[in-house]
Amino acid sequence: MPNHVHLLFWALRDGSGWPFRLVDIMHSLKSSSAHTVNRLLRRDGPVWEEESFDHVLRSDESWEEKREYIRQNPVRAGLVKRAEDYLWLWTDAFR
């Protein structure tokens, strides 16, 4: 999407077996991608907004519903006719 990102992922676990905190995962993703974007555009400054919206899924049904919502988002936005035609849709990790 031109103005936002959807992510659907399983959080990895630390050495104690606890999932890594979402706030830490998001910080790493935003920091790394912002540095890359700024380097490629030869600029500096913020890329992402401070806030993010998250939702913890608790069932396979919810996973499939969210997966399909993400897949169809470029279609609903009128960017493509079929989800598969959207260049930035990566579904290799989807079950």
N, C-alpha and C. Protein backbone atom coordinates (compact mmCIF):
# COMPACT_ATOMS: atom_id res chain seq x y z
N MET A 1 0.85 -1.17 0.00
CA MET A 1 0.00 0.00 0.00
C MET A 1 0.89 1.24 0.00
N PRO A 2 0.48 2.26 -0.66
CA PRO A 2 1.33 3.45 -0.76
C PRO A 2 1.54 4.19 0.56
N ASN A 3 0.60 4.05 1.50
CA ASN A 3 0.71 4.86 2.71
C ASN A 3 0.68 4.06 4.02
N HIS A 4 0.72 2.75 3.94
CA HIS A 4 0.77 1.95 5.16
C HIS A 4 1.22 0.53 4.85
N VAL A 5 1.49 -0.23 5.90
CA VAL A 5 1.99 -1.59 5.77
C VAL A 5 1.16 -2.50 6.66
N HIS A 6 0.86 -3.69 6.16
CA HIS A 6 0.24 -4.72 6.98
C HIS A 6 1.26 -5.84 7.16
N LEU A 7 1.36 -6.34 8.37
CA LEU A 7 2.24 -7.47 8.67
C LEU A 7 1.44 -8.52 9.42
N LEU A 8 1.65 -9.76 9.07
CA LEU A 8 1.04 -10.87 9.78
C LEU A 8 2.16 -11.85 10.05
N PHE A 9 2.51 -12.04 11.31
CA PHE A 9 3.68 -12.86 11.61
C PHE A 9 3.54 -13.53 12.97
N TRP A 10 4.34 -14.58 13.14
CA TRP A 10 4.49 -15.24 14.43
C TRP A 10 5.71 -14.64 15.09
N ALA A 11 5.60 -14.22 16.34
CA ALA A 11 6.75 -13.68 17.06
C ALA A 11 7.68 -14.82 17.46
N LEU A 12 8.97 -14.64 17.23
CA LEU A 12 9.96 -15.61 17.68
C LEU A 12 10.04 -15.56 19.20
N ARG A 13 10.66 -16.58 19.77
CA ARG A 13 10.78 -16.64 21.22
C ARG A 13 12.23 -16.45 21.63
N ASP A 14 12.41 -15.86 22.80
CA ASP A 14 13.76 -15.65 23.31
C ASP A 14 14.29 -16.93 23.95
N GLY A 15 15.47 -16.87 24.51
CA GLY A 15 16.10 -18.04 25.12
C GLY A 15 15.32 -18.64 26.27
N SER A 16 14.45 -17.86 26.88
CA SER A 16 13.62 -18.34 27.99
C SER A 16 12.29 -18.91 27.52
N GLY A 17 12.02 -18.80 26.22
CA GLY A 17 10.76 -19.32 25.69
C GLY A 17 9.65 -18.30 25.58
N TRP A 18 9.92 -17.07 25.99
CA TRP A 18 8.90 -16.01 25.89
C TRP A 18 8.97 -15.36 24.51
N PRO A 19 7.80 -14.99 23.95
CA PRO A 19 7.82 -14.28 22.67
C PRO A 19 8.51 -12.92 22.82
N PHE A 20 9.24 -12.52 21.80
CA PHE A 20 9.82 -11.19 21.82
C PHE A 20 8.68 -10.18 21.86
N ARG A 21 8.90 -9.08 22.55
CA ARG A 21 7.85 -8.06 22.71
C ARG A 21 7.55 -7.38 21.38
N LEU A 22 6.28 -7.14 21.13
CA LEU A 22 5.85 -6.50 19.89
C LEU A 22 6.49 -5.12 19.73
N VAL A 23 6.59 -4.38 20.82
CA VAL A 23 7.19 -3.04 20.75
C VAL A 23 8.64 -3.13 20.27
N ASP A 24 9.37 -4.15 20.67
CA ASP A 24 10.76 -4.33 20.23
C ASP A 24 10.82 -4.76 18.77
N ILE A 25 9.91 -5.63 18.37
CA ILE A 25 9.87 -6.07 16.97
C ILE A 25 9.57 -4.88 16.06
N MET A 26 8.56 -4.09 16.42
CA MET A 26 8.19 -2.94 15.60
C MET A 26 9.31 -1.90 15.55
N HIS A 27 9.97 -1.67 16.66
CA HIS A 27 11.09 -0.72 16.67
C HIS A 27 12.18 -1.18 15.70
N SER A 28 12.52 -2.45 15.74
CA SER A 28 13.55 -2.98 14.85
C SER A 28 13.15 -2.85 13.38
N LEU A 29 11.91 -3.22 13.07
CA LEU A 29 11.43 -3.11 11.69
C LEU A 29 11.43 -1.67 11.19
N LYS A 30 10.89 -0.77 12.01
CA LYS A 30 10.81 0.63 11.60
C LYS A 30 12.19 1.26 11.48
N SER A 31 13.06 0.97 12.41
CA SER A 31 14.41 1.54 12.38
C SER A 31 15.19 1.08 11.17
N SER A 32 15.20 -0.22 10.95
CA SER A 32 15.95 -0.78 9.82
C SER A 32 15.41 -0.28 8.48
N SER A 33 14.11 -0.32 8.32
CA SER A 33 13.53 0.11 7.05
C SER A 33 13.68 1.62 6.84
N ALA A 34 13.58 2.42 7.90
CA ALA A 34 13.75 3.87 7.76
C ALA A 34 15.17 4.20 7.32
N HIS A 35 16.16 3.53 7.90
CA HIS A 35 17.55 3.76 7.48
C HIS A 35 17.73 3.41 6.00
N THR A 36 17.15 2.31 5.58
CA THR A 36 17.26 1.89 4.17
C THR A 36 16.57 2.87 3.24
N VAL A 37 15.35 3.27 3.57
CA VAL A 37 14.60 4.22 2.75
C VAL A 37 15.37 5.54 2.65
N ASN A 38 15.84 6.05 3.77
CA ASN A 38 16.57 7.32 3.75
C ASN A 38 17.86 7.22 2.95
N ARG A 39 18.56 6.10 3.06
CA ARG A 39 19.78 5.92 2.28
C ARG A 39 19.47 5.90 0.78
N LEU A 40 18.44 5.14 0.39
CA LEU A 40 18.08 5.04 -1.02
C LEU A 40 17.59 6.37 -1.60
N LEU A 41 16.91 7.17 -0.79
CA LEU A 41 16.39 8.45 -1.25
C LEU A 41 17.36 9.61 -0.99
N ARG A 42 18.52 9.26 -0.43
CA ARG A 42 19.55 10.26 -0.10
C ARG A 42 18.98 11.41 0.73
N ARG A 43 18.35 11.03 1.82
CA ARG A 43 17.78 12.01 2.73
C ARG A 43 17.87 11.48 4.16
N ASP A 44 17.40 12.26 5.10
CA ASP A 44 17.29 11.77 6.47
C ASP A 44 15.99 12.29 7.06
N GLY A 45 15.67 11.78 8.22
CA GLY A 45 14.44 12.20 8.88
C GLY A 45 13.48 11.05 9.05
N PRO A 46 12.36 11.33 9.69
CA PRO A 46 11.38 10.28 9.98
C PRO A 46 10.75 9.70 8.71
N VAL A 47 10.49 8.42 8.75
CA VAL A 47 9.79 7.73 7.66
C VAL A 47 8.44 7.25 8.18
N TRP A 48 8.42 6.74 9.39
CA TRP A 48 7.22 6.15 9.98
C TRP A 48 6.60 7.07 11.01
N GLU A 49 5.30 6.97 11.17
CA GLU A 49 4.64 7.65 12.28
C GLU A 49 4.96 6.93 13.57
N GLU A 50 4.82 7.62 14.67
CA GLU A 50 5.15 7.04 15.97
C GLU A 50 4.26 5.85 16.32
N GLU A 51 2.97 5.96 16.01
CA GLU A 51 2.05 4.93 16.45
C GLU A 51 1.93 3.79 15.44
N SER A 52 1.43 2.69 15.94
CA SER A 52 1.06 1.57 15.07
C SER A 52 -0.17 0.93 15.70
N PHE A 53 -0.87 0.17 14.92
CA PHE A 53 -2.07 -0.50 15.40
C PHE A 53 -1.82 -1.99 15.34
N ASP A 54 -2.03 -2.66 16.44
CA ASP A 54 -1.77 -4.10 16.47
C ASP A 54 -2.97 -4.85 16.99
N HIS A 55 -2.98 -6.11 16.67
CA HIS A 55 -4.05 -6.99 17.11
C HIS A 55 -3.46 -8.39 17.25
N VAL A 56 -3.66 -9.01 18.39
CA VAL A 56 -3.16 -10.36 18.63
C VAL A 56 -4.23 -11.35 18.17
N LEU A 57 -3.82 -12.27 17.31
CA LEU A 57 -4.74 -13.30 16.82
C LEU A 57 -4.70 -14.51 17.74
N ARG A 58 -5.85 -15.12 17.91
CA ARG A 58 -5.92 -16.24 18.85
C ARG A 58 -6.47 -17.53 18.26
N SER A 59 -6.71 -17.56 16.96
CA SER A 59 -7.21 -18.80 16.36
C SER A 59 -6.82 -18.86 14.89
N ASP A 60 -6.83 -20.06 14.32
CA ASP A 60 -6.55 -20.22 12.90
C ASP A 60 -7.56 -19.47 12.05
N GLU A 61 -8.81 -19.43 12.51
CA GLU A 61 -9.84 -18.72 11.76
C GLU A 61 -9.48 -17.23 11.67
N SER A 62 -9.07 -16.65 12.76
CA SER A 62 -8.67 -15.24 12.75
C SER A 62 -7.48 -15.03 11.82
N TRP A 63 -6.52 -15.97 11.85
CA TRP A 63 -5.34 -15.88 10.98
C TRP A 63 -5.76 -15.83 9.52
N GLU A 64 -6.64 -16.74 9.13
CA GLU A 64 -7.08 -16.78 7.74
C GLU A 64 -7.87 -15.52 7.36
N GLU A 65 -8.71 -15.04 8.27
CA GLU A 65 -9.46 -13.81 7.99
C GLU A 65 -8.52 -12.63 7.79
N LYS A 66 -7.55 -12.47 8.65
CA LYS A 66 -6.60 -11.36 8.53
C LYS A 66 -5.71 -11.52 7.30
N ARG A 67 -5.31 -12.75 7.01
CA ARG A 67 -4.50 -13.03 5.83
C ARG A 67 -5.23 -12.58 4.57
N GLU A 68 -6.49 -12.93 4.47
CA GLU A 68 -7.26 -12.57 3.28
C GLU A 68 -7.52 -11.07 3.23
N TYR A 69 -7.74 -10.45 4.38
CA TYR A 69 -7.92 -9.00 4.43
C TYR A 69 -6.67 -8.31 3.87
N ILE A 70 -5.51 -8.75 4.30
CA ILE A 70 -4.25 -8.16 3.83
C ILE A 70 -4.09 -8.40 2.33
N ARG A 71 -4.36 -9.62 1.88
CA ARG A 71 -4.24 -9.93 0.45
C ARG A 71 -5.13 -9.05 -0.42
N GLN A 72 -6.34 -8.80 0.05
CA GLN A 72 -7.31 -8.06 -0.75
C GLN A 72 -7.21 -6.54 -0.60
N ASN A 73 -6.38 -6.06 0.31
CA ASN A 73 -6.27 -4.63 0.55
C ASN A 73 -5.91 -3.83 -0.71
N PRO A 74 -4.94 -4.24 -1.52
CA PRO A 74 -4.63 -3.48 -2.75
C PRO A 74 -5.79 -3.51 -3.76
N VAL A 75 -6.57 -4.58 -3.75
CA VAL A 75 -7.74 -4.67 -4.65
C VAL A 75 -8.79 -3.67 -4.19
N ARG A 76 -9.09 -3.66 -2.89
CA ARG A 76 -10.08 -2.72 -2.34
C ARG A 76 -9.66 -1.28 -2.57
N ALA A 77 -8.36 -1.03 -2.57
CA ALA A 77 -7.85 0.33 -2.78
C ALA A 77 -7.83 0.72 -4.26
N GLY A 78 -8.16 -0.24 -5.15
CA GLY A 78 -8.19 0.04 -6.58
C GLY A 78 -6.83 0.08 -7.24
N LEU A 79 -5.82 -0.50 -6.59
CA LEU A 79 -4.47 -0.49 -7.14
C LEU A 79 -4.26 -1.60 -8.17
N VAL A 80 -4.98 -2.70 -8.01
CA VAL A 80 -4.90 -3.83 -8.93
C VAL A 80 -6.28 -4.49 -9.00
N LYS A 81 -6.46 -5.33 -10.01
CA LYS A 81 -7.73 -6.07 -10.12
C LYS A 81 -7.70 -7.37 -9.33
N ARG A 82 -6.50 -7.97 -9.26
CA ARG A 82 -6.33 -9.23 -8.51
C ARG A 82 -5.19 -9.05 -7.52
N ALA A 83 -5.34 -9.60 -6.33
CA ALA A 83 -4.31 -9.47 -5.28
C ALA A 83 -2.96 -9.95 -5.78
N GLU A 84 -2.95 -11.01 -6.57
CA GLU A 84 -1.70 -11.59 -7.07
C GLU A 84 -0.93 -10.63 -7.97
N ASP A 85 -1.60 -9.62 -8.49
CA ASP A 85 -0.94 -8.66 -9.38
C ASP A 85 -0.24 -7.53 -8.63
N TYR A 86 -0.43 -7.45 -7.34
CA TYR A 86 0.19 -6.37 -6.57
C TYR A 86 1.65 -6.70 -6.32
N LEU A 87 2.53 -5.86 -6.81
CA LEU A 87 3.97 -6.11 -6.76
C LEU A 87 4.50 -6.31 -5.34
N TRP A 88 3.95 -5.61 -4.38
CA TRP A 88 4.51 -5.62 -3.03
C TRP A 88 3.83 -6.62 -2.10
N LEU A 89 3.01 -7.49 -2.62
CA LEU A 89 2.37 -8.51 -1.80
C LEU A 89 3.28 -9.72 -1.70
N TRP A 90 3.72 -10.04 -0.50
CA TRP A 90 4.59 -11.19 -0.30
C TRP A 90 3.85 -12.19 0.57
N THR A 91 3.53 -13.33 -0.01
CA THR A 91 2.75 -14.32 0.72
C THR A 91 3.48 -15.65 0.89
N ASP A 92 4.76 -15.69 0.61
CA ASP A 92 5.50 -16.95 0.71
C ASP A 92 5.41 -17.57 2.10
N ALA A 93 5.35 -16.73 3.11
CA ALA A 93 5.35 -17.24 4.49
C ALA A 93 3.95 -17.58 4.97
N PHE A 94 2.91 -17.22 4.20
CA PHE A 94 1.55 -17.55 4.63
C PHE A 94 1.36 -19.06 4.57
N ARG A 95 0.63 -19.60 5.54
CA ARG A 95 0.40 -21.02 5.51
C ARG A 95 -0.72 -21.35 4.54
